[in-house]
């Protein structure tokens, strides 16, 4: 009985897929008037993260300086039985937005495909 419960739990976990966050880097070139605070707000990250990603010991930045920004991107790994509609519904995103974010024109997805949910 216990073995069946463990097996059932594993099947349920695999059947709903895996949502995760990955980091995608982008570069920001500092302009006159930019501050770490304004850049962090524009990119939905913390000042502390900006400093860590760019090895900054102080909050001072200069025009023309480039800063690395790691954006959090929510992703989902497709499992057997998934459809785009079910994934969109489960993650509160429209079907058209899900297809657009993933450059999908049809309706075909495969187990193991990684879809961007938001970000």
N, C-alpha and C. Protein backbone atom coordinates (compact mmCIF):
# COMPACT_ATOMS: atom_id res chain seq x y z
N UNK A 1 0.83 -1.20 0.00
CA UNK A 1 0.00 0.00 0.00
C UNK A 1 0.87 1.26 0.00
N UNK A 2 1.88 1.29 0.86
CA UNK A 2 2.75 2.46 0.95
C UNK A 2 3.49 2.69 -0.37
N UNK A 3 3.92 1.60 -1.00
CA UNK A 3 4.62 1.70 -2.27
C UNK A 3 3.70 2.30 -3.35
N UNK A 4 2.42 1.94 -3.30
CA UNK A 4 1.45 2.47 -4.26
C UNK A 4 1.25 3.97 -4.06
N UNK A 5 1.23 4.42 -2.83
CA UNK A 5 1.05 5.83 -2.53
C UNK A 5 2.24 6.63 -3.03
N UNK A 6 3.44 6.12 -2.79
CA UNK A 6 4.65 6.80 -3.25
C UNK A 6 4.66 6.86 -4.78
N UNK A 7 4.30 5.76 -5.42
CA UNK A 7 4.24 5.73 -6.88
C UNK A 7 3.20 6.71 -7.40
N UNK A 8 2.03 6.74 -6.77
CA UNK A 8 0.97 7.66 -7.17
C UNK A 8 1.42 9.11 -7.01
N UNK A 9 2.11 9.42 -5.93
CA UNK A 9 2.61 10.78 -5.71
C UNK A 9 3.61 11.17 -6.79
N UNK A 10 4.46 10.25 -7.19
CA UNK A 10 5.44 10.52 -8.24
C UNK A 10 4.75 10.76 -9.58
N UNK A 11 3.74 9.97 -9.89
CA UNK A 11 3.00 10.14 -11.14
C UNK A 11 2.28 11.49 -11.17
N UNK A 12 1.68 11.88 -10.06
CA UNK A 12 1.00 13.17 -9.99
C UNK A 12 1.99 14.30 -10.17
N UNK A 13 3.14 14.22 -9.53
CA UNK A 13 4.15 15.27 -9.66
C UNK A 13 4.62 15.39 -11.10
N UNK A 14 4.82 14.28 -11.78
CA UNK A 14 5.27 14.31 -13.17
C UNK A 14 4.16 14.78 -14.12
N UNK A 15 2.92 14.48 -13.78
CA UNK A 15 1.83 14.82 -14.68
C UNK A 15 1.49 16.31 -14.71
N UNK A 16 1.85 17.04 -13.67
CA UNK A 16 1.57 18.47 -13.69
C UNK A 16 2.75 19.28 -14.20
N UNK A 17 3.82 18.65 -14.57
CA UNK A 17 4.95 19.36 -15.14
C UNK A 17 5.74 20.10 -14.09
N UNK A 18 6.71 20.84 -14.56
CA UNK A 18 7.60 21.54 -13.65
C UNK A 18 7.68 23.00 -14.05
N UNK A 19 7.32 23.87 -13.13
CA UNK A 19 7.48 25.31 -13.36
C UNK A 19 8.74 25.74 -12.63
N UNK A 20 9.52 26.60 -13.26
CA UNK A 20 10.76 27.03 -12.62
C UNK A 20 11.10 28.43 -13.08
N UNK A 21 12.15 28.96 -12.50
CA UNK A 21 12.64 30.26 -12.91
C UNK A 21 14.07 30.11 -13.39
N UNK A 22 14.36 30.77 -14.50
CA UNK A 22 15.72 30.79 -15.00
C UNK A 22 16.12 32.25 -15.18
N UNK A 23 17.38 32.46 -15.28
CA UNK A 23 17.85 33.84 -15.44
C UNK A 23 18.27 34.07 -16.88
N UNK A 24 17.84 35.18 -17.40
CA UNK A 24 18.25 35.61 -18.74
C UNK A 24 18.93 36.96 -18.59
N UNK A 25 20.13 37.07 -19.09
CA UNK A 25 20.89 38.30 -18.90
C UNK A 25 20.61 39.30 -20.01
N UNK A 26 20.63 40.57 -19.61
CA UNK A 26 20.57 41.65 -20.58
C UNK A 26 21.56 42.72 -20.12
N UNK A 27 21.85 43.64 -21.00
CA UNK A 27 22.81 44.70 -20.71
C UNK A 27 22.09 46.04 -20.74
N UNK A 28 22.38 46.87 -19.76
CA UNK A 28 21.84 48.23 -19.71
C UNK A 28 23.01 49.20 -19.76
N UNK A 29 22.94 50.16 -20.69
CA UNK A 29 23.96 51.20 -20.75
C UNK A 29 23.46 52.40 -19.96
N UNK A 30 24.24 52.80 -18.97
CA UNK A 30 23.86 53.90 -18.09
C UNK A 30 23.81 55.21 -18.88
N UNK A 31 22.73 55.95 -18.67
CA UNK A 31 22.55 57.26 -19.30
C UNK A 31 22.58 58.34 -18.22
N UNK A 32 22.76 59.61 -18.64
CA UNK A 32 22.72 60.73 -17.69
C UNK A 32 21.42 60.67 -16.89
N UNK A 33 21.53 60.80 -15.59
CA UNK A 33 20.35 60.79 -14.72
C UNK A 33 19.97 59.43 -14.19
N UNK A 34 20.53 58.34 -14.74
CA UNK A 34 20.24 57.00 -14.23
C UNK A 34 20.83 56.82 -12.84
N UNK A 35 20.13 56.08 -12.02
CA UNK A 35 20.64 55.65 -10.72
C UNK A 35 20.40 54.14 -10.62
N UNK A 36 21.11 53.49 -9.71
CA UNK A 36 20.84 52.06 -9.53
C UNK A 36 19.39 51.83 -9.15
N UNK A 37 18.85 52.76 -8.35
CA UNK A 37 17.46 52.63 -7.92
C UNK A 37 16.51 52.72 -9.11
N UNK A 38 16.72 53.68 -10.01
CA UNK A 38 15.82 53.82 -11.16
C UNK A 38 15.96 52.62 -12.11
N UNK A 39 17.17 52.15 -12.30
CA UNK A 39 17.39 50.99 -13.17
C UNK A 39 16.76 49.74 -12.54
N UNK A 40 16.89 49.59 -11.24
CA UNK A 40 16.30 48.43 -10.56
C UNK A 40 14.78 48.45 -10.68
N UNK A 41 14.17 49.63 -10.52
CA UNK A 41 12.72 49.74 -10.65
C UNK A 41 12.26 49.43 -12.07
N UNK A 42 12.98 49.92 -13.05
CA UNK A 42 12.61 49.68 -14.45
C UNK A 42 12.69 48.21 -14.82
N UNK A 43 13.54 47.46 -14.13
CA UNK A 43 13.76 46.05 -14.47
C UNK A 43 13.23 45.07 -13.43
N UNK A 44 12.50 45.59 -12.43
CA UNK A 44 11.92 44.75 -11.38
C UNK A 44 12.94 43.85 -10.68
N UNK A 45 14.08 44.45 -10.35
CA UNK A 45 15.12 43.75 -9.59
C UNK A 45 15.54 44.66 -8.45
N UNK A 46 16.30 44.15 -7.51
CA UNK A 46 16.73 44.98 -6.38
C UNK A 46 18.06 45.66 -6.69
N UNK A 47 18.31 46.76 -5.99
CA UNK A 47 19.60 47.45 -6.10
C UNK A 47 20.72 46.51 -5.69
N UNK A 48 20.48 45.73 -4.65
CA UNK A 48 21.49 44.79 -4.16
C UNK A 48 21.85 43.76 -5.24
N UNK A 49 20.83 43.29 -5.97
CA UNK A 49 21.10 42.34 -7.05
C UNK A 49 21.94 42.99 -8.14
N UNK A 50 21.58 44.22 -8.52
CA UNK A 50 22.37 44.92 -9.54
C UNK A 50 23.83 45.06 -9.11
N UNK A 51 24.04 45.41 -7.84
CA UNK A 51 25.41 45.56 -7.34
C UNK A 51 26.14 44.21 -7.38
N UNK A 52 25.47 43.15 -6.98
CA UNK A 52 26.10 41.82 -6.96
C UNK A 52 26.42 41.35 -8.37
N UNK A 53 25.49 41.49 -9.31
CA UNK A 53 25.70 41.02 -10.68
C UNK A 53 26.82 41.77 -11.37
N UNK A 54 27.11 43.01 -10.90
CA UNK A 54 28.10 43.84 -11.57
C UNK A 54 29.33 44.13 -10.72
N UNK A 55 29.46 43.41 -9.61
CA UNK A 55 30.60 43.56 -8.71
C UNK A 55 30.83 45.02 -8.31
N UNK A 56 29.75 45.70 -7.97
CA UNK A 56 29.83 47.10 -7.56
C UNK A 56 29.95 47.19 -6.04
N UNK A 57 30.97 47.91 -5.56
CA UNK A 57 31.16 48.09 -4.13
C UNK A 57 30.37 49.28 -3.59
N UNK A 58 29.93 50.16 -4.49
CA UNK A 58 29.17 51.34 -4.08
C UNK A 58 28.03 51.55 -5.07
N UNK A 59 27.08 52.42 -4.72
CA UNK A 59 25.96 52.68 -5.63
C UNK A 59 26.29 53.68 -6.74
N UNK A 60 27.54 54.10 -6.86
CA UNK A 60 27.92 55.07 -7.88
C UNK A 60 28.03 54.40 -9.25
N UNK A 61 27.35 55.00 -10.22
CA UNK A 61 27.45 54.55 -11.60
C UNK A 61 27.69 55.76 -12.49
N UNK A 62 28.17 55.52 -13.70
CA UNK A 62 28.57 56.61 -14.58
C UNK A 62 27.96 56.44 -15.97
N UNK A 63 27.66 57.56 -16.65
CA UNK A 63 27.15 57.46 -18.02
C UNK A 63 28.08 56.64 -18.91
N UNK A 64 27.49 55.87 -19.79
CA UNK A 64 28.18 54.97 -20.73
C UNK A 64 28.64 53.67 -20.08
N UNK A 65 28.55 53.54 -18.77
CA UNK A 65 28.88 52.29 -18.09
C UNK A 65 27.83 51.26 -18.46
N UNK A 66 28.23 50.01 -18.65
CA UNK A 66 27.26 48.95 -18.95
C UNK A 66 27.05 48.10 -17.71
N UNK A 67 25.80 47.77 -17.47
CA UNK A 67 25.42 46.95 -16.33
C UNK A 67 24.70 45.69 -16.81
N UNK A 68 25.06 44.57 -16.22
CA UNK A 68 24.40 43.30 -16.52
C UNK A 68 23.15 43.21 -15.65
N UNK A 69 22.04 42.79 -16.26
CA UNK A 69 20.79 42.62 -15.53
C UNK A 69 20.31 41.20 -15.77
N UNK A 70 20.12 40.43 -14.71
CA UNK A 70 19.60 39.07 -14.83
C UNK A 70 18.10 39.12 -14.54
N UNK A 71 17.30 38.99 -15.58
CA UNK A 71 15.85 39.00 -15.43
C UNK A 71 15.37 37.61 -15.07
N UNK A 72 14.44 37.51 -14.17
CA UNK A 72 13.84 36.23 -13.83
C UNK A 72 12.77 35.91 -14.87
N UNK A 73 12.82 34.71 -15.39
CA UNK A 73 11.86 34.27 -16.39
C UNK A 73 11.19 33.00 -15.88
N UNK A 74 9.86 33.00 -15.80
CA UNK A 74 9.15 31.80 -15.37
C UNK A 74 8.97 30.87 -16.56
N UNK A 75 9.36 29.62 -16.37
CA UNK A 75 9.24 28.64 -17.44
C UNK A 75 8.47 27.42 -16.95
N UNK A 76 8.03 26.62 -17.90
CA UNK A 76 7.29 25.40 -17.62
C UNK A 76 7.78 24.31 -18.55
N UNK A 77 8.00 23.11 -18.02
CA UNK A 77 8.42 21.98 -18.84
C UNK A 77 7.19 21.13 -19.14
N UNK A 78 6.91 20.92 -20.42
CA UNK A 78 5.75 20.18 -20.88
C UNK A 78 5.88 18.70 -20.51
N UNK A 79 4.77 18.12 -20.02
CA UNK A 79 4.73 16.69 -19.72
C UNK A 79 3.64 16.04 -20.58
N UNK A 80 3.68 14.73 -20.66
CA UNK A 80 2.71 13.98 -21.46
C UNK A 80 1.29 14.34 -21.02
N UNK A 81 0.45 14.60 -21.99
CA UNK A 81 -0.95 14.94 -21.71
C UNK A 81 -1.22 16.43 -21.66
N UNK A 82 -0.18 17.25 -21.62
CA UNK A 82 -0.37 18.70 -21.60
C UNK A 82 -0.87 19.20 -22.94
N UNK A 83 -1.64 20.27 -22.89
CA UNK A 83 -2.01 21.02 -24.09
C UNK A 83 -1.70 22.48 -23.80
N UNK A 84 -1.55 23.26 -24.83
CA UNK A 84 -1.29 24.69 -24.63
C UNK A 84 -2.43 25.33 -23.84
N UNK A 85 -3.65 24.93 -24.15
CA UNK A 85 -4.80 25.49 -23.45
C UNK A 85 -4.75 25.19 -21.96
N UNK A 86 -4.47 23.93 -21.61
CA UNK A 86 -4.40 23.55 -20.19
C UNK A 86 -3.28 24.29 -19.46
N UNK A 87 -2.13 24.41 -20.11
CA UNK A 87 -0.99 25.10 -19.49
C UNK A 87 -1.33 26.58 -19.28
N UNK A 88 -1.91 27.21 -20.29
CA UNK A 88 -2.28 28.63 -20.19
C UNK A 88 -3.30 28.82 -19.06
N UNK A 89 -4.29 27.97 -19.02
CA UNK A 89 -5.34 28.07 -17.98
C UNK A 89 -4.75 27.87 -16.58
N UNK A 90 -3.89 26.87 -16.43
CA UNK A 90 -3.31 26.54 -15.13
C UNK A 90 -2.41 27.67 -14.60
N UNK A 91 -1.80 28.42 -15.52
CA UNK A 91 -0.84 29.46 -15.12
C UNK A 91 -1.37 30.88 -15.33
N UNK A 92 -2.69 30.98 -15.51
CA UNK A 92 -3.36 32.28 -15.63
C UNK A 92 -2.75 33.20 -16.68
N UNK A 93 -2.52 32.64 -17.86
CA UNK A 93 -2.02 33.42 -18.99
C UNK A 93 -2.92 33.07 -20.18
N UNK A 94 -3.16 34.03 -21.05
CA UNK A 94 -4.01 33.74 -22.20
C UNK A 94 -3.28 32.81 -23.17
N UNK A 95 -4.05 32.05 -23.91
CA UNK A 95 -3.48 31.12 -24.88
C UNK A 95 -2.67 31.87 -25.93
N UNK A 96 -3.20 32.99 -26.41
CA UNK A 96 -2.49 33.75 -27.43
C UNK A 96 -1.18 34.31 -26.89
N UNK A 97 -1.17 34.75 -25.64
CA UNK A 97 0.06 35.28 -25.03
C UNK A 97 1.09 34.17 -24.85
N UNK A 98 0.66 32.99 -24.41
CA UNK A 98 1.56 31.86 -24.25
C UNK A 98 2.20 31.48 -25.59
N UNK A 99 1.38 31.44 -26.64
CA UNK A 99 1.91 31.10 -27.96
C UNK A 99 2.86 32.18 -28.46
N UNK A 100 2.52 33.43 -28.21
CA UNK A 100 3.36 34.54 -28.65
C UNK A 100 4.71 34.53 -27.95
N UNK A 101 4.71 34.35 -26.63
CA UNK A 101 5.96 34.34 -25.86
C UNK A 101 6.90 33.21 -26.29
N UNK A 102 6.32 32.16 -26.86
CA UNK A 102 7.12 31.00 -27.22
C UNK A 102 7.25 30.81 -28.73
N UNK A 103 6.81 31.80 -29.48
CA UNK A 103 6.90 31.78 -30.95
C UNK A 103 6.30 30.49 -31.50
N UNK A 104 5.09 30.17 -31.03
CA UNK A 104 4.37 28.98 -31.47
C UNK A 104 3.22 29.42 -32.37
N UNK A 105 3.18 28.89 -33.60
CA UNK A 105 2.10 29.27 -34.50
C UNK A 105 0.99 28.22 -34.53
N UNK A 106 1.32 26.98 -34.26
CA UNK A 106 0.33 25.91 -34.28
C UNK A 106 -0.12 25.56 -32.86
N UNK A 107 -0.48 24.30 -32.68
CA UNK A 107 -0.94 23.84 -31.37
C UNK A 107 -0.13 22.66 -30.85
N UNK A 108 0.95 22.30 -31.55
CA UNK A 108 1.71 21.10 -31.20
C UNK A 108 2.83 21.42 -30.21
N UNK A 109 2.83 20.70 -29.09
CA UNK A 109 3.92 20.74 -28.12
C UNK A 109 4.29 19.30 -27.78
N UNK A 110 5.48 19.12 -27.22
CA UNK A 110 5.97 17.78 -26.91
C UNK A 110 6.49 17.72 -25.49
N UNK A 111 6.36 16.55 -24.84
CA UNK A 111 6.96 16.42 -23.50
C UNK A 111 8.43 16.79 -23.54
N UNK A 112 8.84 17.57 -22.56
CA UNK A 112 10.23 18.04 -22.48
C UNK A 112 10.41 19.44 -23.03
N UNK A 113 9.46 19.93 -23.83
CA UNK A 113 9.54 21.31 -24.32
C UNK A 113 9.51 22.26 -23.13
N UNK A 114 10.29 23.33 -23.21
CA UNK A 114 10.31 24.32 -22.14
C UNK A 114 9.62 25.58 -22.67
N UNK A 115 8.55 25.99 -21.97
CA UNK A 115 7.76 27.14 -22.39
C UNK A 115 7.98 28.31 -21.43
N UNK A 116 8.09 29.51 -21.97
CA UNK A 116 8.17 30.72 -21.16
C UNK A 116 6.75 31.11 -20.78
N UNK A 117 6.48 31.21 -19.47
CA UNK A 117 5.16 31.60 -19.00
C UNK A 117 5.03 33.11 -18.88
N UNK A 118 6.07 33.73 -18.35
CA UNK A 118 6.09 35.19 -18.20
C UNK A 118 7.53 35.64 -18.06
N UNK A 119 7.74 36.89 -18.31
CA UNK A 119 9.09 37.44 -18.15
C UNK A 119 9.68 37.87 -19.47
